[in-house]
Amino acid sequence: MADNGQKIIDLDKQRMQAMAHKDVATLNALLSDDLVYTHSSARIDTKQSLMGAMTAGTTVYTSVEPSDVKAQDLGDTVVLTGVARIQVLSNGNPNSFGVRFTDVYANKGGQWQMVAWQSTRLPA
C-alpha cells in the first residue's frame, strides 16, 4: 500500500489556503458532506454551516499556517496531527491564535475528503 501521509499533508495545506482565500470550489471538493468541524472554542460546524459563515463574511479566515504536521496512514483513512497559526475575523473582530489539531481524511470512492477537525487553543 502506498503511503498517503505526505499526499494528505499537502492536500490539507491546500484546504487551509482555500479557507484563507475563500476558495469555495476547492473547499466544496475537499470537505466531506458529513464533516464534523470542532473549533477551538468548542463550537461545532457542518460543511454547510462552516462554508455558509465564510461566504456570509461572519467568519473570515485571513491566514491558516500549519507546522509540525504528522500523518498516520490507516489505509482509507489518514489522521493528521499538528499545530496551526490562525488569523480570523469573527463577526468583524480580528483574532490571532495557535491551535493543536487532529484532522481526519477519508478516501471516498477515490477522492480524499476531510471528515473531521478538532482543535485546542494553545496558551498565549
N, C-alpha and C. Protein backbone atom coordinates (compact mmCIF):
# COMPACT_ATOMS: atom_id res chain seq x y z
N MET A 1 0.85 -1.19 0.00
CA MET A 1 0.00 0.00 0.00
C MET A 1 0.89 1.25 0.00
N ALA A 2 0.57 2.17 -0.87
CA ALA A 2 1.34 3.41 -0.95
C ALA A 2 1.08 4.24 0.30
N ASP A 3 2.12 4.97 0.70
CA ASP A 3 1.96 5.85 1.85
C ASP A 3 1.25 7.13 1.42
N ASN A 4 0.08 7.34 1.97
CA ASN A 4 -0.72 8.51 1.62
C ASN A 4 -0.44 9.71 2.51
N GLY A 5 0.40 9.54 3.51
CA GLY A 5 0.62 10.59 4.50
C GLY A 5 1.00 11.93 3.92
N GLN A 6 2.07 11.97 3.11
CA GLN A 6 2.53 13.25 2.56
C GLN A 6 1.50 13.83 1.61
N LYS A 7 0.83 12.96 0.86
CA LYS A 7 -0.22 13.42 -0.07
C LYS A 7 -1.31 14.18 0.70
N ILE A 8 -1.72 13.64 1.85
CA ILE A 8 -2.79 14.26 2.63
C ILE A 8 -2.29 15.51 3.35
N ILE A 9 -1.04 15.52 3.80
CA ILE A 9 -0.47 16.74 4.38
C ILE A 9 -0.53 17.87 3.35
N ASP A 10 -0.14 17.57 2.11
CA ASP A 10 -0.18 18.56 1.03
C ASP A 10 -1.61 18.98 0.71
N LEU A 11 -2.54 18.01 0.70
CA LEU A 11 -3.94 18.30 0.42
C LEU A 11 -4.53 19.21 1.51
N ASP A 12 -4.13 18.96 2.76
CA ASP A 12 -4.66 19.78 3.85
C ASP A 12 -4.10 21.21 3.79
N LYS A 13 -2.85 21.37 3.33
CA LYS A 13 -2.31 22.72 3.12
C LYS A 13 -3.15 23.45 2.08
N GLN A 14 -3.56 22.74 1.03
CA GLN A 14 -4.43 23.33 0.01
C GLN A 14 -5.75 23.77 0.63
N ARG A 15 -6.29 22.92 1.52
CA ARG A 15 -7.56 23.24 2.18
C ARG A 15 -7.41 24.49 3.04
N MET A 16 -6.31 24.59 3.78
CA MET A 16 -6.09 25.76 4.63
C MET A 16 -5.94 27.03 3.79
N GLN A 17 -5.23 26.93 2.67
CA GLN A 17 -5.09 28.08 1.77
C GLN A 17 -6.45 28.45 1.17
N ALA A 18 -7.25 27.45 0.84
CA ALA A 18 -8.58 27.71 0.29
C ALA A 18 -9.45 28.44 1.31
N MET A 19 -9.31 28.09 2.59
CA MET A 19 -10.08 28.79 3.63
C MET A 19 -9.65 30.25 3.70
N ALA A 20 -8.34 30.51 3.62
CA ALA A 20 -7.83 31.88 3.72
C ALA A 20 -8.17 32.70 2.48
N HIS A 21 -8.41 32.02 1.35
CA HIS A 21 -8.72 32.73 0.10
C HIS A 21 -10.20 32.65 -0.28
N LYS A 22 -11.01 32.09 0.62
CA LYS A 22 -12.45 31.94 0.37
C LYS A 22 -12.72 31.22 -0.95
N ASP A 23 -11.90 30.17 -1.21
CA ASP A 23 -11.99 29.39 -2.44
C ASP A 23 -13.06 28.30 -2.24
N VAL A 24 -14.30 28.66 -2.50
CA VAL A 24 -15.44 27.79 -2.23
C VAL A 24 -15.39 26.51 -3.06
N ALA A 25 -14.96 26.60 -4.31
CA ALA A 25 -14.91 25.41 -5.18
C ALA A 25 -13.95 24.37 -4.62
N THR A 26 -12.77 24.80 -4.19
CA THR A 26 -11.80 23.87 -3.62
C THR A 26 -12.32 23.28 -2.32
N LEU A 27 -12.90 24.12 -1.47
CA LEU A 27 -13.44 23.63 -0.20
C LEU A 27 -14.58 22.64 -0.43
N ASN A 28 -15.42 22.92 -1.40
CA ASN A 28 -16.53 22.02 -1.70
C ASN A 28 -16.02 20.63 -2.07
N ALA A 29 -14.90 20.57 -2.78
CA ALA A 29 -14.32 19.29 -3.19
C ALA A 29 -13.60 18.59 -2.04
N LEU A 30 -12.95 19.36 -1.16
CA LEU A 30 -12.12 18.77 -0.12
C LEU A 30 -12.86 18.45 1.18
N LEU A 31 -13.99 19.10 1.42
CA LEU A 31 -14.74 18.87 2.65
C LEU A 31 -15.85 17.86 2.40
N SER A 32 -15.91 16.85 3.24
CA SER A 32 -16.95 15.84 3.13
C SER A 32 -18.31 16.42 3.50
N ASP A 33 -19.36 15.95 2.86
CA ASP A 33 -20.71 16.41 3.19
C ASP A 33 -21.08 16.11 4.64
N ASP A 34 -20.44 15.08 5.24
CA ASP A 34 -20.74 14.74 6.63
C ASP A 34 -19.65 15.23 7.60
N LEU A 35 -18.95 16.30 7.22
CA LEU A 35 -17.89 16.88 8.04
C LEU A 35 -18.39 17.27 9.43
N VAL A 36 -17.57 16.99 10.44
CA VAL A 36 -17.77 17.49 11.80
C VAL A 36 -16.54 18.34 12.10
N TYR A 37 -16.74 19.66 12.20
CA TYR A 37 -15.64 20.62 12.38
C TYR A 37 -15.79 21.24 13.76
N THR A 38 -14.92 20.84 14.69
CA THR A 38 -14.99 21.34 16.07
C THR A 38 -13.91 22.40 16.25
N HIS A 39 -14.35 23.63 16.45
CA HIS A 39 -13.44 24.77 16.63
C HIS A 39 -12.79 24.72 18.00
N SER A 40 -11.72 25.51 18.16
CA SER A 40 -11.03 25.58 19.45
C SER A 40 -11.91 26.19 20.54
N SER A 41 -13.00 26.85 20.13
CA SER A 41 -13.96 27.42 21.08
C SER A 41 -15.03 26.41 21.50
N ALA A 42 -14.96 25.20 20.93
CA ALA A 42 -15.91 24.10 21.16
C ALA A 42 -17.16 24.22 20.30
N ARG A 43 -17.25 25.28 19.48
CA ARG A 43 -18.37 25.38 18.54
C ARG A 43 -18.20 24.31 17.46
N ILE A 44 -19.31 23.71 17.06
CA ILE A 44 -19.28 22.67 16.03
C ILE A 44 -19.97 23.18 14.78
N ASP A 45 -19.30 22.93 13.64
CA ASP A 45 -19.88 23.27 12.34
C ASP A 45 -19.99 22.03 11.49
N THR A 46 -20.94 22.07 10.57
CA THR A 46 -21.03 21.10 9.49
C THR A 46 -20.35 21.73 8.28
N LYS A 47 -20.24 21.00 7.20
CA LYS A 47 -19.70 21.58 5.98
C LYS A 47 -20.53 22.79 5.57
N GLN A 48 -21.84 22.63 5.62
CA GLN A 48 -22.74 23.69 5.18
C GLN A 48 -22.63 24.93 6.07
N SER A 49 -22.60 24.75 7.38
CA SER A 49 -22.55 25.92 8.27
C SER A 49 -21.18 26.58 8.24
N LEU A 50 -20.11 25.80 8.10
CA LEU A 50 -18.76 26.36 8.00
C LEU A 50 -18.62 27.20 6.75
N MET A 51 -19.01 26.64 5.61
CA MET A 51 -18.90 27.37 4.35
C MET A 51 -19.89 28.53 4.30
N GLY A 52 -21.04 28.37 4.91
CA GLY A 52 -22.03 29.44 4.96
C GLY A 52 -21.51 30.65 5.72
N ALA A 53 -20.85 30.41 6.87
CA ALA A 53 -20.28 31.51 7.66
C ALA A 53 -19.16 32.20 6.91
N MET A 54 -18.40 31.42 6.14
CA MET A 54 -17.31 32.01 5.37
C MET A 54 -17.85 32.86 4.22
N THR A 55 -18.83 32.36 3.49
CA THR A 55 -19.36 33.11 2.35
C THR A 55 -20.17 34.32 2.81
N ALA A 56 -20.82 34.23 3.97
CA ALA A 56 -21.58 35.36 4.51
C ALA A 56 -20.68 36.43 5.11
N GLY A 57 -19.42 36.06 5.39
CA GLY A 57 -18.48 37.02 5.96
C GLY A 57 -18.50 37.10 7.47
N THR A 58 -19.27 36.24 8.14
CA THR A 58 -19.27 36.25 9.61
C THR A 58 -17.99 35.63 10.16
N THR A 59 -17.41 34.68 9.42
CA THR A 59 -16.12 34.09 9.76
C THR A 59 -15.23 34.22 8.53
N VAL A 60 -14.17 35.04 8.66
CA VAL A 60 -13.26 35.27 7.54
C VAL A 60 -11.85 34.87 7.97
N TYR A 61 -11.39 33.74 7.45
CA TYR A 61 -10.02 33.31 7.74
C TYR A 61 -9.08 34.11 6.85
N THR A 62 -8.11 34.81 7.47
CA THR A 62 -7.16 35.59 6.68
C THR A 62 -5.84 34.83 6.52
N SER A 63 -5.57 33.89 7.43
CA SER A 63 -4.37 33.08 7.33
C SER A 63 -4.52 31.84 8.19
N VAL A 64 -4.13 30.69 7.63
CA VAL A 64 -4.08 29.43 8.37
C VAL A 64 -2.76 28.77 7.98
N GLU A 65 -1.80 28.76 8.91
CA GLU A 65 -0.46 28.26 8.63
C GLU A 65 -0.14 27.05 9.50
N PRO A 66 -0.02 25.86 8.89
CA PRO A 66 0.28 24.65 9.66
C PRO A 66 1.79 24.50 9.92
N SER A 67 2.12 23.75 10.97
CA SER A 67 3.50 23.37 11.25
C SER A 67 3.51 22.06 12.03
N ASP A 68 4.65 21.40 12.02
CA ASP A 68 4.85 20.15 12.77
C ASP A 68 3.75 19.12 12.48
N VAL A 69 3.32 19.03 11.22
CA VAL A 69 2.23 18.11 10.86
C VAL A 69 2.79 16.71 10.66
N LYS A 70 2.12 15.75 11.30
CA LYS A 70 2.47 14.33 11.18
C LYS A 70 1.24 13.60 10.65
N ALA A 71 1.48 12.52 9.92
CA ALA A 71 0.38 11.75 9.35
C ALA A 71 0.45 10.30 9.80
N GLN A 72 -0.72 9.73 10.09
CA GLN A 72 -0.87 8.30 10.34
C GLN A 72 -1.71 7.75 9.20
N ASP A 73 -1.10 6.92 8.36
CA ASP A 73 -1.80 6.33 7.22
C ASP A 73 -2.44 5.03 7.66
N LEU A 74 -3.76 5.00 7.68
CA LEU A 74 -4.51 3.82 8.12
C LEU A 74 -5.22 3.14 6.94
N GLY A 75 -4.72 3.37 5.73
CA GLY A 75 -5.34 2.78 4.55
C GLY A 75 -6.26 3.77 3.88
N ASP A 76 -7.57 3.58 4.09
CA ASP A 76 -8.55 4.50 3.51
C ASP A 76 -8.82 5.71 4.39
N THR A 77 -8.06 5.83 5.48
CA THR A 77 -8.17 6.96 6.39
C THR A 77 -6.77 7.44 6.74
N VAL A 78 -6.59 8.75 6.78
CA VAL A 78 -5.33 9.34 7.22
C VAL A 78 -5.65 10.35 8.32
N VAL A 79 -4.96 10.21 9.45
CA VAL A 79 -5.13 11.13 10.58
C VAL A 79 -3.92 12.05 10.63
N LEU A 80 -4.18 13.35 10.60
CA LEU A 80 -3.12 14.34 10.72
C LEU A 80 -3.17 14.95 12.11
N THR A 81 -1.99 15.21 12.67
CA THR A 81 -1.89 15.97 13.92
C THR A 81 -0.84 17.04 13.70
N GLY A 82 -1.03 18.18 14.32
CA GLY A 82 -0.06 19.25 14.15
C GLY A 82 -0.47 20.50 14.88
N VAL A 83 0.17 21.58 14.47
CA VAL A 83 -0.06 22.90 15.05
C VAL A 83 -0.43 23.83 13.90
N ALA A 84 -1.30 24.78 14.14
CA ALA A 84 -1.63 25.78 13.13
C ALA A 84 -1.73 27.15 13.79
N ARG A 85 -1.28 28.15 13.06
CA ARG A 85 -1.44 29.54 13.47
C ARG A 85 -2.59 30.09 12.64
N ILE A 86 -3.62 30.59 13.31
CA ILE A 86 -4.85 31.03 12.63
C ILE A 86 -5.08 32.51 12.87
N GLN A 87 -5.38 33.22 11.80
CA GLN A 87 -5.83 34.61 11.88
C GLN A 87 -7.21 34.65 11.26
N VAL A 88 -8.15 35.20 12.01
CA VAL A 88 -9.54 35.17 11.57
C VAL A 88 -10.26 36.44 12.02
N LEU A 89 -11.23 36.85 11.21
CA LEU A 89 -12.16 37.91 11.60
C LEU A 89 -13.47 37.20 11.94
N SER A 90 -13.87 37.31 13.18
CA SER A 90 -15.11 36.67 13.62
C SER A 90 -16.11 37.77 13.97
N ASN A 91 -17.17 37.87 13.17
CA ASN A 91 -18.13 38.96 13.32
C ASN A 91 -17.44 40.32 13.32
N GLY A 92 -16.41 40.46 12.48
CA GLY A 92 -15.70 41.72 12.35
C GLY A 92 -14.57 41.93 13.34
N ASN A 93 -14.44 41.04 14.32
CA ASN A 93 -13.41 41.17 15.35
C ASN A 93 -12.18 40.33 14.99
N PRO A 94 -10.99 40.97 14.85
CA PRO A 94 -9.79 40.21 14.50
C PRO A 94 -9.32 39.35 15.67
N ASN A 95 -8.83 38.17 15.34
CA ASN A 95 -8.33 37.26 16.35
C ASN A 95 -7.17 36.48 15.74
N SER A 96 -6.13 36.27 16.52
CA SER A 96 -4.97 35.51 16.08
C SER A 96 -4.55 34.58 17.21
N PHE A 97 -4.40 33.31 16.90
CA PHE A 97 -4.07 32.34 17.94
C PHE A 97 -3.49 31.08 17.31
N GLY A 98 -2.88 30.27 18.16
CA GLY A 98 -2.36 28.98 17.74
C GLY A 98 -3.24 27.86 18.26
N VAL A 99 -3.29 26.77 17.50
CA VAL A 99 -4.04 25.59 17.93
C VAL A 99 -3.20 24.33 17.70
N ARG A 100 -3.50 23.32 18.46
CA ARG A 100 -3.04 21.97 18.18
C ARG A 100 -4.26 21.26 17.62
N PHE A 101 -4.08 20.51 16.53
CA PHE A 101 -5.24 19.94 15.86
C PHE A 101 -5.07 18.45 15.54
N THR A 102 -6.23 17.83 15.40
CA THR A 102 -6.35 16.49 14.82
C THR A 102 -7.32 16.64 13.66
N ASP A 103 -6.91 16.11 12.52
CA ASP A 103 -7.64 16.30 11.27
C ASP A 103 -7.74 14.92 10.60
N VAL A 104 -8.92 14.54 10.18
CA VAL A 104 -9.11 13.20 9.61
C VAL A 104 -9.61 13.30 8.18
N TYR A 105 -8.92 12.59 7.29
CA TYR A 105 -9.31 12.48 5.88
C TYR A 105 -9.67 11.05 5.58
N ALA A 106 -10.69 10.86 4.75
CA ALA A 106 -11.12 9.53 4.32
C ALA A 106 -11.12 9.47 2.80
N ASN A 107 -10.76 8.32 2.27
CA ASN A 107 -10.80 8.10 0.83
C ASN A 107 -12.22 7.65 0.50
N LYS A 108 -12.95 8.53 -0.18
CA LYS A 108 -14.35 8.25 -0.52
C LYS A 108 -14.45 8.05 -2.03
N GLY A 109 -14.43 6.79 -2.44
CA GLY A 109 -14.55 6.48 -3.86
C GLY A 109 -13.40 7.03 -4.69
N GLY A 110 -12.20 7.05 -4.12
CA GLY A 110 -11.03 7.55 -4.84
C GLY A 110 -10.73 9.01 -4.61
N GLN A 111 -11.61 9.71 -3.90
CA GLN A 111 -11.39 11.13 -3.61
C GLN A 111 -11.19 11.31 -2.11
N TRP A 112 -10.07 11.92 -1.74
CA TRP A 112 -9.79 12.19 -0.34
C TRP A 112 -10.55 13.43 0.11
N GLN A 113 -11.26 13.30 1.25
CA GLN A 113 -12.01 14.43 1.80
C GLN A 113 -11.82 14.49 3.31
N MET A 114 -11.84 15.71 3.84
CA MET A 114 -11.74 15.91 5.28
C MET A 114 -13.09 15.58 5.91
N VAL A 115 -13.08 14.68 6.90
CA VAL A 115 -14.32 14.27 7.56
C VAL A 115 -14.42 14.79 8.99
N ALA A 116 -13.27 15.17 9.59
CA ALA A 116 -13.32 15.68 10.97
C ALA A 116 -12.14 16.59 11.25
N TRP A 117 -12.39 17.60 12.05
CA TRP A 117 -11.37 18.53 12.55
C TRP A 117 -11.68 18.79 14.01
N GLN A 118 -10.65 18.73 14.84
CA GLN A 118 -10.78 19.04 16.26
C GLN A 118 -9.54 19.85 16.64
N SER A 119 -9.74 21.01 17.23
CA SER A 119 -8.59 21.82 17.61
C SER A 119 -8.71 22.30 19.06
N THR A 120 -7.55 22.51 19.66
CA THR A 120 -7.45 23.02 21.02
C THR A 120 -6.54 24.24 20.98
N ARG A 121 -7.01 25.32 21.54
CA ARG A 121 -6.22 26.55 21.53
C ARG A 121 -4.98 26.38 22.40
N LEU A 122 -3.84 26.86 21.86
CA LEU A 122 -2.60 26.83 22.62
C LEU A 122 -2.55 28.04 23.57
N PRO A 123 -1.85 27.90 24.69
CA PRO A 123 -1.71 29.04 25.59
C PRO A 123 -1.03 30.20 24.87
N ALA A 124 -1.43 31.41 25.20
CA ALA A 124 -0.86 32.61 24.54
C ALA A 124 0.59 32.81 24.88
